[in-house]
Amino acid sequence: MRQIIAILAVGMVIYLIRRLQGSKPQSRVSPGGGAPPAGEKLVRDRICNTHLSPASAIRLQHDGSLHYFCSTVCRDKFLSQFPAS
């Protein structure tokens, strides 16, 4: 019985060490992926407040203004909250 507990304990330690070695801090990246080129101005999604490159954003011309979104989900949510006049 002691041997089984010892084997399980060693296995758990090995598992935890491997898991800790494999985890790296995650940086928040816009859905368009990667950092924008140096000097490029970012735009903000009004729904989720994500900042992203205009090149990777979903654009919507709405009531005379251009809006940028990170996804179709955010665009559709915007349209439901602010119907066209």
C-alpha atoms as a PDB file:
ATOM      1  CA  MET A   1       0.000   0.000   0.000  1.00  0.00           C
ATOM      2  CA  ARG A   2       2.849   2.414   0.805  1.00  0.00           C
ATOM      3  CA  GLN A   3       4.389   1.714  -2.582  1.00  0.00           C
ATOM      4  CA  ILE A   4       1.175   2.624  -4.393  1.00  0.00           C
ATOM      5  CA  ILE A   5       0.902   5.901  -2.479  1.00  0.00           C
ATOM      6  CA  ALA A   6       4.584   6.670  -3.183  1.00  0.00           C
ATOM      7  CA  ILE A   7       4.133   5.970  -6.903  1.00  0.00           C
ATOM      8  CA  LEU A   8       1.043   8.173  -7.043  1.00  0.00           C
ATOM      9  CA  ALA A   9       2.849  10.966  -5.189  1.00  0.00           C
ATOM     10  CA  VAL A  10       5.845  10.812  -7.549  1.00  0.00           C
ATOM     11  CA  GLY A  11       3.505  10.779 -10.546  1.00  0.00           C
ATOM     12  CA  MET A  12       1.678  13.843  -9.264  1.00  0.00           C
ATOM     13  CA  VAL A  13       4.935  15.716  -8.694  1.00  0.00           C
ATOM     14  CA  ILE A  14       6.121  14.887 -12.234  1.00  0.00           C
ATOM     15  CA  TYR A  15       2.763  15.982 -13.651  1.00  0.00           C
ATOM     16  CA  LEU A  16       2.877  19.313 -11.787  1.00  0.00           C
ATOM     17  CA  ILE A  17       6.479  20.003 -12.835  1.00  0.00           C
ATOM     18  CA  ARG A  18       5.678  19.340 -16.501  1.00  0.00           C
ATOM     19  CA  ARG A  19       2.579  21.465 -16.331  1.00  0.00           C
ATOM     20  CA  LEU A  20       4.452  24.387 -14.764  1.00  0.00           C
ATOM     21  CA  GLN A  21       7.256  24.153 -17.325  1.00  0.00           C
ATOM     22  CA  GLY A  22       4.783  24.201 -20.192  1.00  0.00           C
ATOM     23  CA  SER A  23       2.821  27.208 -19.007  1.00  0.00           C
ATOM     24  CA  LYS A  24       3.925  30.567 -20.297  1.00  0.00           C
ATOM     25  CA  PRO A  25       2.296  33.910 -19.582  1.00  0.00           C
ATOM     26  CA  GLN A  26      -0.353  34.681 -22.185  1.00  0.00           C
ATOM     27  CA  SER A  27      -0.429  38.138 -23.677  1.00  0.00           C
ATOM     28  CA  ARG A  28      -3.687  39.589 -24.854  1.00  0.00           C
ATOM     29  CA  VAL A  29      -3.627  39.805 -28.620  1.00  0.00           C
ATOM     30  CA  SER A  30      -6.345  41.230 -30.761  1.00  0.00           C
ATOM     31  CA  PRO A  31      -8.358  38.719 -32.784  1.00  0.00           C
ATOM     32  CA  GLY A  32      -6.586  39.881 -35.930  1.00  0.00           C
ATOM     33  CA  GLY A  33      -3.465  38.285 -34.481  1.00  0.00           C
ATOM     34  CA  GLY A  34      -0.033  39.668 -33.721  1.00  0.00           C
ATOM     35  CA  ALA A  35       1.093  43.169 -32.954  1.00  0.00           C
ATOM     36  CA  PRO A  36       0.344  45.922 -35.443  1.00  0.00           C
ATOM     37  CA  PRO A  37       3.191  47.373 -37.497  1.00  0.00           C
ATOM     38  CA  ALA A  38       5.147  50.096 -35.720  1.00  0.00           C
ATOM     39  CA  GLY A  39       3.371  53.429 -35.847  1.00  0.00           C
ATOM     40  CA  GLU A  40       0.012  52.013 -36.914  1.00  0.00           C
ATOM     41  CA  LYS A  41      -2.889  53.554 -35.028  1.00  0.00           C
ATOM     42  CA  LEU A  42      -5.282  51.089 -33.388  1.00  0.00           C
ATOM     43  CA  VAL A  43      -9.056  51.305 -33.424  1.00  0.00           C
ATOM     44  CA  ARG A  44     -11.420  50.336 -30.592  1.00  0.00           C
ATOM     45  CA  ASP A  45     -14.352  47.967 -30.705  1.00  0.00           C
ATOM     46  CA  ARG A  46     -17.128  49.891 -28.881  1.00  0.00           C
ATOM     47  CA  ILE A  47     -18.765  46.720 -27.602  1.00  0.00           C
ATOM     48  CA  CYS A  48     -15.910  44.770 -25.964  1.00  0.00           C
ATOM     49  CA  ASN A  49     -13.293  47.571 -25.868  1.00  0.00           C
ATOM     50  CA  THR A  50     -10.725  45.499 -27.748  1.00  0.00           C
ATOM     51  CA  HIS A  51      -8.095  47.550 -29.578  1.00  0.00           C
ATOM     52  CA  LEU A  52      -7.122  46.184 -32.962  1.00  0.00           C
ATOM     53  CA  SER A  53      -5.551  47.048 -36.268  1.00  0.00           C
ATOM     54  CA  PRO A  54      -7.933  48.693 -38.749  1.00  0.00           C
ATOM     55  CA  ALA A  55      -6.718  46.218 -41.374  1.00  0.00           C
ATOM     56  CA  SER A  56      -8.013  43.241 -39.374  1.00  0.00           C
ATOM     57  CA  ALA A  57     -11.194  44.898 -38.074  1.00  0.00           C
ATOM     58  CA  ILE A  58     -14.727  44.354 -39.320  1.00  0.00           C
ATOM     59  CA  ARG A  59     -15.984  47.718 -40.547  1.00  0.00           C
ATOM     60  CA  LEU A  60     -19.505  49.057 -40.446  1.00  0.00           C
ATOM     61  CA  GLN A  61     -20.786  52.334 -41.878  1.00  0.00           C
ATOM     62  CA  HIS A  62     -23.656  53.252 -39.535  1.00  0.00           C
ATOM     63  CA  ASP A  63     -25.590  56.526 -39.474  1.00  0.00           C
ATOM     64  CA  GLY A  64     -22.787  58.375 -41.238  1.00  0.00           C
ATOM     65  CA  SER A  65     -19.984  57.056 -38.980  1.00  0.00           C
ATOM     66  CA  LEU A  66     -17.464  54.291 -39.516  1.00  0.00           C
ATOM     67  CA  HIS A  67     -17.267  51.755 -36.674  1.00  0.00           C
ATOM     68  CA  TYR A  68     -14.758  48.934 -36.140  1.00  0.00           C
ATOM     69  CA  PHE A  69     -15.403  45.549 -34.530  1.00  0.00           C
ATOM     70  CA  CYS A  70     -13.264  42.567 -33.557  1.00  0.00           C
ATOM     71  CA  SER A  71     -15.942  40.051 -34.595  1.00  0.00           C
ATOM     72  CA  THR A  72     -19.332  39.680 -36.217  1.00  0.00           C
ATOM     73  CA  VAL A  73     -20.734  38.954 -32.752  1.00  0.00           C
ATOM     74  CA  CYS A  74     -19.717  42.423 -31.529  1.00  0.00           C
ATOM     75  CA  ARG A  75     -20.973  44.026 -34.757  1.00  0.00           C
ATOM     76  CA  ASP A  76     -24.358  42.325 -34.416  1.00  0.00           C
ATOM     77  CA  LYS A  77     -24.601  43.299 -30.744  1.00  0.00           C
ATOM     78  CA  PHE A  78     -23.873  46.917 -31.702  1.00  0.00           C
ATOM     79  CA  LEU A  79     -26.594  46.823 -34.361  1.00  0.00           C
ATOM     80  CA  SER A  80     -29.093  45.473 -31.853  1.00  0.00           C
ATOM     81  CA  GLN A  81     -28.232  48.208 -29.329  1.00  0.00           C
ATOM     82  CA  PHE A  82     -28.067  51.047 -31.858  1.00  0.00           C
ATOM     83  CA  PRO A  83     -30.536  50.454 -34.691  1.00  0.00           C
ATOM     84  CA  ALA A  84     -30.149  52.660 -37.763  1.00  0.00           C
ATOM     85  CA  SER A  85     -32.182  55.843 -37.668  1.00  0.00           C
END
